[in-house]
Amino acid sequence: MTPSAFDIEGTVVPAYTFFALAAGVLAGLLLRRTLAGISLAAAAFVLTRLGVEKLLRPHYLPPLHRVASSAAPTAHARDWVFDDKLVDSVGRRITTAREDLAIVHAQHAGIDAHQYLQALGWRRLITYQPAGRFWTFQAIETSLFLLLGLAAIAAALFLLRRRPA
């Protein structure tokens, strides 16, 4: 579910290709210069892909939040984890330096570090998209890029019909 794996699997790859081709056709029609058209299409594709990945994809569905009673990091191997933070009993974020100091204190006292952190009331808050949403996210993003490709083709057809022969 992580962005690096998401972009190279499933149905989004053909949708990206369709959008890139449609953007290339439109850019070539607009500029009537091969290199300029390729450059514009590549820039449009990269900017669109990055914008969708960074701005839209995290919000396709609301992320889930989980509170782990243990201060030890929990495994979310296939999930897309946005935030995994240690907080105190009031909900304030624990800095790494403060966590390290507490662990050193527990070790000097001969106490198990995880039990000590739990005794302090510290817990782990995790914000993530579960791996089970992979195909839902693939469908949303595939639809988005297919629609963008169709819009580019429609714009190209509109331009072709407006130009005199």
N, C-alpha and C. Protein backbone atom coordinates (compact mmCIF):
# COMPACT_ATOMS: atom_id res chain seq x y z
N MET A 1 0.82 -1.20 0.00
CA MET A 1 0.00 0.00 0.00
C MET A 1 0.86 1.26 0.00
N THR A 2 2.16 1.11 0.24
CA THR A 2 3.02 2.28 0.24
C THR A 2 3.07 2.88 -1.17
N PRO A 3 3.30 4.19 -1.27
CA PRO A 3 3.30 4.83 -2.59
C PRO A 3 4.28 4.21 -3.58
N SER A 4 5.44 3.76 -3.12
CA SER A 4 6.41 3.20 -4.06
C SER A 4 5.90 1.91 -4.70
N ALA A 5 5.20 1.08 -3.96
CA ALA A 5 4.66 -0.16 -4.52
C ALA A 5 3.35 0.10 -5.27
N PHE A 6 2.56 1.02 -4.79
CA PHE A 6 1.26 1.32 -5.39
C PHE A 6 1.39 1.76 -6.84
N ASP A 7 2.42 2.54 -7.14
CA ASP A 7 2.58 3.14 -8.46
C ASP A 7 3.01 2.16 -9.55
N ILE A 8 3.47 0.98 -9.18
CA ILE A 8 3.98 0.06 -10.20
C ILE A 8 3.18 -1.24 -10.26
N GLU A 9 2.05 -1.30 -9.57
CA GLU A 9 1.22 -2.50 -9.56
C GLU A 9 -0.21 -2.14 -9.94
N GLY A 10 -0.95 -3.16 -10.31
CA GLY A 10 -2.39 -3.02 -10.48
C GLY A 10 -2.81 -2.28 -11.74
N THR A 11 -3.99 -1.70 -11.65
CA THR A 11 -4.63 -1.10 -12.81
C THR A 11 -4.20 0.34 -13.08
N VAL A 12 -3.45 0.95 -12.16
CA VAL A 12 -3.05 2.34 -12.38
C VAL A 12 -2.01 2.48 -13.47
N VAL A 13 -1.19 1.47 -13.68
CA VAL A 13 -0.12 1.57 -14.68
C VAL A 13 -0.69 1.80 -16.09
N PRO A 14 -1.66 1.00 -16.55
CA PRO A 14 -2.24 1.29 -17.87
C PRO A 14 -2.97 2.65 -17.90
N ALA A 15 -3.57 3.03 -16.79
CA ALA A 15 -4.26 4.34 -16.75
C ALA A 15 -3.25 5.48 -16.86
N TYR A 16 -2.10 5.35 -16.18
CA TYR A 16 -1.04 6.35 -16.32
C TYR A 16 -0.58 6.44 -17.78
N THR A 17 -0.42 5.29 -18.41
CA THR A 17 0.04 5.24 -19.80
C THR A 17 -0.97 5.92 -20.72
N PHE A 18 -2.24 5.62 -20.53
CA PHE A 18 -3.30 6.23 -21.34
C PHE A 18 -3.29 7.74 -21.18
N PHE A 19 -3.18 8.21 -19.94
CA PHE A 19 -3.15 9.65 -19.70
C PHE A 19 -1.93 10.30 -20.34
N ALA A 20 -0.76 9.66 -20.22
CA ALA A 20 0.46 10.21 -20.80
C ALA A 20 0.34 10.30 -22.32
N LEU A 21 -0.21 9.28 -22.93
CA LEU A 21 -0.39 9.29 -24.39
C LEU A 21 -1.36 10.39 -24.80
N ALA A 22 -2.47 10.51 -24.10
CA ALA A 22 -3.46 11.54 -24.42
C ALA A 22 -2.87 12.94 -24.21
N ALA A 23 -2.09 13.12 -23.15
CA ALA A 23 -1.44 14.41 -22.90
C ALA A 23 -0.44 14.71 -24.02
N GLY A 24 0.25 13.68 -24.49
CA GLY A 24 1.20 13.87 -25.59
C GLY A 24 0.51 14.27 -26.88
N VAL A 25 -0.61 13.65 -27.18
CA VAL A 25 -1.37 14.00 -28.38
C VAL A 25 -1.85 15.45 -28.30
N LEU A 26 -2.38 15.82 -27.15
CA LEU A 26 -2.87 17.19 -26.98
C LEU A 26 -1.72 18.20 -27.06
N ALA A 27 -0.60 17.91 -26.40
CA ALA A 27 0.54 18.83 -26.43
C ALA A 27 1.09 18.97 -27.85
N GLY A 28 1.17 17.86 -28.57
CA GLY A 28 1.64 17.92 -29.95
C GLY A 28 0.72 18.73 -30.84
N LEU A 29 -0.56 18.60 -30.62
CA LEU A 29 -1.55 19.35 -31.40
C LEU A 29 -1.48 20.85 -31.08
N LEU A 30 -1.27 21.15 -29.80
CA LEU A 30 -1.20 22.56 -29.40
C LEU A 30 0.07 23.24 -29.89
N LEU A 31 1.20 22.58 -29.75
CA LEU A 31 2.49 23.22 -30.02
C LEU A 31 3.00 23.01 -31.45
N ARG A 32 2.62 21.91 -32.08
CA ARG A 32 3.05 21.57 -33.44
C ARG A 32 4.57 21.51 -33.57
N ARG A 33 5.23 21.18 -32.48
CA ARG A 33 6.67 20.99 -32.44
C ARG A 33 6.92 19.71 -31.64
N THR A 34 7.68 18.78 -32.20
CA THR A 34 7.84 17.47 -31.58
C THR A 34 8.49 17.54 -30.21
N LEU A 35 9.67 18.14 -30.11
CA LEU A 35 10.38 18.18 -28.84
C LEU A 35 9.64 19.01 -27.79
N ALA A 36 9.09 20.12 -28.23
CA ALA A 36 8.32 20.95 -27.30
C ALA A 36 7.08 20.20 -26.81
N GLY A 37 6.42 19.48 -27.72
CA GLY A 37 5.24 18.70 -27.33
C GLY A 37 5.58 17.59 -26.37
N ILE A 38 6.69 16.89 -26.64
CA ILE A 38 7.13 15.81 -25.74
C ILE A 38 7.46 16.38 -24.36
N SER A 39 8.16 17.52 -24.35
CA SER A 39 8.55 18.14 -23.08
C SER A 39 7.33 18.59 -22.28
N LEU A 40 6.38 19.20 -22.96
CA LEU A 40 5.16 19.65 -22.28
C LEU A 40 4.36 18.46 -21.75
N ALA A 41 4.24 17.42 -22.55
CA ALA A 41 3.49 16.23 -22.13
C ALA A 41 4.16 15.56 -20.94
N ALA A 42 5.49 15.45 -20.99
CA ALA A 42 6.22 14.83 -19.87
C ALA A 42 6.05 15.65 -18.59
N ALA A 43 6.16 16.97 -18.72
CA ALA A 43 5.98 17.83 -17.54
C ALA A 43 4.56 17.73 -16.99
N ALA A 44 3.58 17.73 -17.88
CA ALA A 44 2.18 17.61 -17.43
C ALA A 44 1.95 16.28 -16.73
N PHE A 45 2.50 15.21 -17.28
CA PHE A 45 2.34 13.89 -16.68
C PHE A 45 2.98 13.83 -15.30
N VAL A 46 4.23 14.26 -15.20
CA VAL A 46 4.95 14.20 -13.92
C VAL A 46 4.26 15.07 -12.87
N LEU A 47 3.89 16.28 -13.23
CA LEU A 47 3.23 17.17 -12.26
C LEU A 47 1.88 16.62 -11.82
N THR A 48 1.13 16.06 -12.75
CA THR A 48 -0.17 15.48 -12.40
C THR A 48 0.00 14.28 -11.48
N ARG A 49 0.94 13.41 -11.83
CA ARG A 49 1.18 12.21 -11.01
C ARG A 49 1.62 12.57 -9.60
N LEU A 50 2.57 13.51 -9.48
CA LEU A 50 3.03 13.92 -8.16
C LEU A 50 1.93 14.61 -7.36
N GLY A 51 1.16 15.44 -8.04
CA GLY A 51 0.05 16.12 -7.36
C GLY A 51 -0.98 15.13 -6.82
N VAL A 52 -1.32 14.15 -7.63
CA VAL A 52 -2.29 13.14 -7.19
C VAL A 52 -1.71 12.32 -6.04
N GLU A 53 -0.45 11.91 -6.17
CA GLU A 53 0.18 11.08 -5.14
C GLU A 53 0.28 11.81 -3.80
N LYS A 54 0.70 13.06 -3.84
CA LYS A 54 0.95 13.79 -2.59
C LYS A 54 -0.30 14.46 -2.02
N LEU A 55 -1.17 14.97 -2.89
CA LEU A 55 -2.29 15.78 -2.41
C LEU A 55 -3.62 15.04 -2.35
N LEU A 56 -3.89 14.16 -3.32
CA LEU A 56 -5.20 13.51 -3.37
C LEU A 56 -5.22 12.12 -2.75
N ARG A 57 -4.26 11.28 -3.13
CA ARG A 57 -4.30 9.87 -2.71
C ARG A 57 -4.44 9.67 -1.20
N PRO A 58 -3.75 10.41 -0.36
CA PRO A 58 -3.92 10.18 1.08
C PRO A 58 -5.35 10.43 1.58
N HIS A 59 -6.15 11.13 0.77
CA HIS A 59 -7.50 11.51 1.20
C HIS A 59 -8.61 10.79 0.44
N TYR A 60 -8.30 9.76 -0.33
CA TYR A 60 -9.36 9.02 -1.03
C TYR A 60 -10.38 8.49 -0.03
N LEU A 61 -9.91 7.94 1.06
CA LEU A 61 -10.76 7.51 2.18
C LEU A 61 -10.12 8.03 3.46
N PRO A 62 -10.92 8.33 4.48
CA PRO A 62 -10.32 8.82 5.72
C PRO A 62 -9.38 7.77 6.32
N PRO A 63 -8.20 8.19 6.79
CA PRO A 63 -7.28 7.22 7.39
C PRO A 63 -7.83 6.70 8.72
N LEU A 64 -7.37 5.53 9.08
CA LEU A 64 -7.76 4.94 10.36
C LEU A 64 -6.75 5.35 11.42
N HIS A 65 -7.21 5.35 12.66
CA HIS A 65 -6.35 5.69 13.80
C HIS A 65 -6.42 4.53 14.79
N ARG A 66 -5.28 4.16 15.29
CA ARG A 66 -5.24 3.06 16.25
C ARG A 66 -4.36 3.47 17.42
N VAL A 67 -4.81 3.11 18.61
CA VAL A 67 -4.03 3.36 19.80
C VAL A 67 -3.51 2.02 20.28
N ALA A 68 -2.19 1.93 20.40
CA ALA A 68 -1.57 0.71 20.91
C ALA A 68 -1.17 0.97 22.35
N SER A 69 -1.55 0.07 23.22
CA SER A 69 -1.24 0.27 24.64
C SER A 69 0.25 0.17 24.90
N SER A 70 0.94 -0.57 24.08
CA SER A 70 2.37 -0.74 24.26
C SER A 70 3.11 0.42 23.62
N ALA A 71 4.20 0.81 24.20
CA ALA A 71 5.02 1.87 23.63
C ALA A 71 5.92 1.32 22.53
N ALA A 72 5.99 0.00 22.41
CA ALA A 72 6.81 -0.61 21.37
C ALA A 72 6.17 -0.38 20.02
N PRO A 73 6.97 -0.11 18.99
CA PRO A 73 6.39 0.07 17.65
C PRO A 73 5.63 -1.18 17.22
N THR A 74 4.47 -0.97 16.59
CA THR A 74 3.67 -2.09 16.13
C THR A 74 3.91 -2.31 14.65
N ALA A 75 3.74 -3.51 14.22
CA ALA A 75 4.01 -3.87 12.82
C ALA A 75 2.80 -3.55 11.95
N HIS A 76 3.04 -2.81 10.92
CA HIS A 76 2.05 -2.52 9.88
C HIS A 76 2.76 -2.70 8.55
N ALA A 77 3.26 -3.90 8.32
CA ALA A 77 4.15 -4.17 7.19
C ALA A 77 3.53 -3.79 5.85
N ARG A 78 2.27 -4.06 5.65
CA ARG A 78 1.66 -3.82 4.34
C ARG A 78 0.79 -2.57 4.33
N ASP A 79 0.56 -1.97 5.49
CA ASP A 79 -0.27 -0.77 5.56
C ASP A 79 0.54 0.46 5.16
N TRP A 80 -0.17 1.51 4.78
CA TRP A 80 0.47 2.79 4.47
C TRP A 80 0.36 3.64 5.73
N VAL A 81 1.42 3.70 6.50
CA VAL A 81 1.43 4.40 7.78
C VAL A 81 1.83 5.85 7.54
N PHE A 82 0.93 6.77 7.94
CA PHE A 82 1.20 8.20 7.82
C PHE A 82 1.94 8.72 9.04
N ASP A 83 1.54 8.25 10.20
CA ASP A 83 2.13 8.74 11.44
C ASP A 83 2.12 7.63 12.48
N ASP A 84 3.21 7.49 13.17
CA ASP A 84 3.35 6.50 14.23
C ASP A 84 4.12 7.20 15.35
N LYS A 85 3.39 7.72 16.32
CA LYS A 85 4.03 8.54 17.34
C LYS A 85 3.73 8.04 18.74
N LEU A 86 4.64 8.31 19.61
CA LEU A 86 4.50 7.97 21.02
C LEU A 86 3.99 9.21 21.73
N VAL A 87 2.91 9.07 22.53
CA VAL A 87 2.33 10.20 23.25
C VAL A 87 2.22 9.87 24.73
N ASP A 88 2.17 10.92 25.54
CA ASP A 88 2.00 10.71 26.97
C ASP A 88 0.52 10.60 27.32
N SER A 89 0.22 10.54 28.60
CA SER A 89 -1.17 10.32 29.03
C SER A 89 -2.08 11.49 28.67
N VAL A 90 -1.52 12.67 28.43
CA VAL A 90 -2.31 13.85 28.07
C VAL A 90 -2.48 13.95 26.55
N GLY A 91 -1.66 13.21 25.80
CA GLY A 91 -1.74 13.24 24.35
C GLY A 91 -0.65 14.05 23.68
N ARG A 92 0.32 14.54 24.46
CA ARG A 92 1.44 15.28 23.88
C ARG A 92 2.46 14.31 23.30
N ARG A 93 3.01 14.69 22.18
CA ARG A 93 4.00 13.85 21.49
C ARG A 93 5.27 13.74 22.34
N ILE A 94 5.80 12.53 22.41
CA ILE A 94 7.04 12.27 23.13
C ILE A 94 8.18 12.38 22.12
N THR A 95 9.15 13.23 22.41
CA THR A 95 10.30 13.35 21.51
C THR A 95 11.17 12.11 21.63
N THR A 96 11.99 11.89 20.62
CA THR A 96 12.89 10.75 20.62
C THR A 96 13.88 10.86 21.78
N ALA A 97 14.35 12.07 22.05
CA ALA A 97 15.30 12.27 23.15
C ALA A 97 14.65 11.91 24.49
N ARG A 98 13.40 12.31 24.67
CA ARG A 98 12.70 12.01 25.92
C ARG A 98 12.45 10.51 26.06
N GLU A 99 12.10 9.86 24.95
CA GLU A 99 11.90 8.40 24.97
C GLU A 99 13.20 7.69 25.30
N ASP A 100 14.29 8.12 24.67
CA ASP A 100 15.60 7.51 24.94
C ASP A 100 16.00 7.68 26.40
N LEU A 101 15.74 8.85 26.95
CA LEU A 101 16.07 9.11 28.35
C LEU A 101 15.26 8.19 29.27
N ALA A 102 13.98 7.99 28.97
CA ALA A 102 13.14 7.12 29.78
C ALA A 102 13.61 5.66 29.69
N ILE A 103 14.04 5.24 28.51
CA ILE A 103 14.53 3.87 28.33
C ILE A 103 15.82 3.66 29.11
N VAL A 104 16.72 4.64 29.04
CA VAL A 104 17.97 4.55 29.80
C VAL A 104 17.68 4.50 31.30
N HIS A 105 16.72 5.31 31.75
CA HIS A 105 16.33 5.31 33.16
C HIS A 105 15.81 3.94 33.57
N ALA A 106 14.98 3.35 32.74
CA ALA A 106 14.43 2.01 33.04
C ALA A 106 15.53 0.97 33.07
N GLN A 107 16.48 1.04 32.16
CA GLN A 107 17.58 0.08 32.14
C GLN A 107 18.45 0.20 33.38
N HIS A 108 18.72 1.43 33.81
CA HIS A 108 19.51 1.62 35.03
C HIS A 108 18.79 1.12 36.27
N ALA A 109 17.46 1.20 36.23
CA ALA A 109 16.66 0.73 37.37
C ALA A 109 16.40 -0.77 37.29
N GLY A 110 16.81 -1.41 36.18
CA GLY A 110 16.59 -2.85 36.03
C GLY A 110 15.15 -3.20 35.73
N ILE A 111 14.43 -2.29 35.11
CA ILE A 111 13.01 -2.49 34.78
C ILE A 111 12.90 -2.70 33.27
N ASP A 112 11.93 -3.51 32.85
CA ASP A 112 11.67 -3.67 31.41
C ASP A 112 11.21 -2.33 30.85
N ALA A 113 11.87 -1.89 29.78
CA ALA A 113 11.61 -0.55 29.24
C ALA A 113 10.17 -0.38 28.77
N HIS A 114 9.61 -1.39 28.09
CA HIS A 114 8.24 -1.26 27.59
C HIS A 114 7.23 -1.20 28.73
N GLN A 115 7.45 -1.98 29.76
CA GLN A 115 6.56 -1.92 30.92
C GLN A 115 6.68 -0.57 31.62
N TYR A 116 7.88 -0.03 31.68
CA TYR A 116 8.09 1.27 32.31
C TYR A 116 7.35 2.37 31.53
N LEU A 117 7.46 2.33 30.20
CA LEU A 117 6.79 3.35 29.40
C LEU A 117 5.27 3.24 29.53
N GLN A 118 4.77 2.01 29.63
CA GLN A 118 3.33 1.82 29.86
C GLN A 118 2.93 2.35 31.23
N ALA A 119 3.77 2.13 32.22
CA ALA A 119 3.48 2.63 33.57
C ALA A 119 3.42 4.16 33.60
N LEU A 120 4.20 4.79 32.72
CA LEU A 120 4.15 6.24 32.62
C LEU A 120 2.88 6.74 31.93
N GLY A 121 2.14 5.80 31.33
CA GLY A 121 0.92 6.17 30.61
C GLY A 121 1.17 6.52 29.16
N TRP A 122 2.34 6.18 28.67
CA TRP A 122 2.67 6.47 27.28
C TRP A 122 2.06 5.40 26.38
N ARG A 123 1.61 5.82 25.23
CA ARG A 123 1.01 4.89 24.27
C ARG A 123 1.36 5.34 22.85
N ARG A 124 1.16 4.45 21.92
CA ARG A 124 1.51 4.72 20.52
C ARG A 124 0.23 5.03 19.74
N LEU A 125 0.21 6.15 19.02
CA LEU A 125 -0.90 6.53 18.15
C LEU A 125 -0.46 6.33 16.70
N ILE A 126 -1.24 5.55 15.97
CA ILE A 126 -0.88 5.21 14.60
C ILE A 126 -2.00 5.68 13.67
N THR A 127 -1.64 6.43 12.64
CA THR A 127 -2.57 6.87 11.61
C THR A 127 -2.14 6.19 10.32
N TYR A 128 -3.07 5.46 9.68
CA TYR A 128 -2.68 4.65 8.53
C TYR A 128 -3.86 4.36 7.61
N GLN A 129 -3.51 3.95 6.40
CA GLN A 129 -4.48 3.38 5.46
C GLN A 129 -4.19 1.88 5.44
N PRO A 130 -5.17 1.06 5.75
CA PRO A 130 -4.91 -0.39 5.79
C PRO A 130 -4.66 -0.97 4.40
N ALA A 131 -3.88 -2.03 4.37
CA ALA A 131 -3.54 -2.69 3.10
C ALA A 131 -4.78 -3.21 2.38
N GLY A 132 -5.84 -3.47 3.11
CA GLY A 132 -7.08 -3.97 2.51
C GLY A 132 -7.76 -2.96 1.58
N ARG A 133 -7.33 -1.71 1.63
CA ARG A 133 -7.91 -0.68 0.76
C ARG A 133 -7.15 -0.53 -0.56
N PHE A 134 -6.17 -1.38 -0.78
CA PHE A 134 -5.32 -1.27 -1.97
C PHE A 134 -6.15 -1.20 -3.25
N TRP A 135 -7.05 -2.16 -3.46
CA TRP A 135 -7.81 -2.21 -4.71
C TRP A 135 -8.83 -1.08 -4.81
N THR A 136 -9.34 -0.62 -3.70
CA THR A 136 -10.24 0.54 -3.72
C THR A 136 -9.48 1.77 -4.18
N PHE A 137 -8.28 1.97 -3.63
CA PHE A 137 -7.45 3.11 -4.03
C PHE A 137 -7.02 2.97 -5.49
N GLN A 138 -6.72 1.75 -5.92
CA GLN A 138 -6.36 1.52 -7.32
C GLN A 138 -7.53 1.92 -8.24
N ALA A 139 -8.74 1.53 -7.88
CA ALA A 139 -9.91 1.85 -8.70
C ALA A 139 -10.14 3.36 -8.76
N ILE A 140 -9.99 4.03 -7.64
CA ILE A 140 -10.19 5.48 -7.60
C ILE A 140 -9.16 6.17 -8.50
N GLU A 141 -7.90 5.81 -8.33
CA GLU A 141 -6.85 6.48 -9.11
C GLU A 141 -6.90 6.11 -10.58
N THR A 142 -7.24 4.87 -10.89
CA THR A 142 -7.40 4.46 -12.29
C THR A 142 -8.50 5.28 -12.94
N SER A 143 -9.63 5.41 -12.28
CA SER A 143 -10.75 6.20 -12.81
C SER A 143 -10.34 7.64 -13.03
N LEU A 144 -9.61 8.21 -12.09
CA LEU A 144 -9.17 9.59 -12.19
C LEU A 144 -8.29 9.80 -13.43
N PHE A 145 -7.31 8.92 -13.63
CA PHE A 145 -6.40 9.10 -14.77
C PHE A 145 -7.08 8.76 -16.11
N LEU A 146 -8.02 7.83 -16.09
CA LEU A 146 -8.78 7.57 -17.32
C LEU A 146 -9.63 8.78 -17.69
N LEU A 147 -10.25 9.41 -16.71
CA LEU A 147 -11.04 10.62 -16.96
C LEU A 147 -10.17 11.77 -17.46
N LEU A 148 -8.99 11.93 -16.86
CA LEU A 148 -8.08 12.98 -17.33
C LEU A 148 -7.62 12.71 -18.77
N GLY A 149 -7.37 11.46 -19.09
CA GLY A 149 -6.98 11.09 -20.45
C GLY A 149 -8.11 11.35 -21.44
N LEU A 150 -9.33 10.99 -21.04
CA LEU A 150 -10.49 11.25 -21.91
C LEU A 150 -10.70 12.75 -22.11
N ALA A 151 -10.48 13.53 -21.07
CA ALA A 151 -10.61 14.98 -21.19
C ALA A 151 -9.57 15.54 -22.15
N ALA A 152 -8.35 15.01 -22.10
CA ALA A 152 -7.30 15.47 -23.02
C ALA A 152 -7.65 15.10 -24.46
N ILE A 153 -8.18 13.90 -24.65
CA ILE A 153 -8.58 13.49 -26.00
C ILE A 153 -9.75 14.34 -26.50
N ALA A 154 -10.70 14.63 -25.63
CA ALA A 154 -11.82 15.49 -26.02
C ALA A 154 -11.33 16.89 -26.40
N ALA A 155 -10.38 17.42 -25.66
CA ALA A 155 -9.81 18.73 -25.98
C ALA A 155 -9.09 18.68 -27.33
N ALA A 156 -8.36 17.60 -27.59
CA ALA A 156 -7.66 17.45 -28.87
C ALA A 156 -8.66 17.38 -30.02
N LEU A 157 -9.73 16.62 -29.85
CA LEU A 157 -10.75 16.52 -30.89
C LEU A 157 -11.42 17.87 -31.13
N PHE A 158 -11.67 18.61 -30.07
CA PHE A 158 -12.26 19.94 -30.19
C PHE A 158 -11.35 20.86 -30.99
N LEU A 159 -10.04 20.81 -30.69
CA LEU A 159 -9.08 21.63 -31.43
C LEU A 159 -9.00 21.24 -32.90
N LEU A 160 -9.04 19.93 -33.16
CA LEU A 160 -8.98 19.46 -34.55
C LEU A 160 -10.18 19.92 -35.36
N ARG A 161 -11.35 19.94 -34.76
CA ARG A 161 -12.57 20.33 -35.47
C ARG A 161 -12.63 21.83 -35.69
N ARG A 162 -11.96 22.60 -34.86
CA ARG A 162 -12.00 24.05 -34.98
C ARG A 162 -11.01 24.56 -36.02
N ARG A 163 -9.99 23.77 -36.31
CA ARG A 163 -8.97 24.21 -37.26
C ARG A 163 -9.46 24.02 -38.68
N PRO A 164 -9.21 25.01 -39.52
CA PRO A 164 -9.59 24.84 -40.94
C PRO A 164 -8.66 23.83 -41.61
N ALA A 165 -9.17 23.17 -42.62
CA ALA A 165 -8.41 22.12 -43.32
C ALA A 165 -7.32 22.65 -44.20
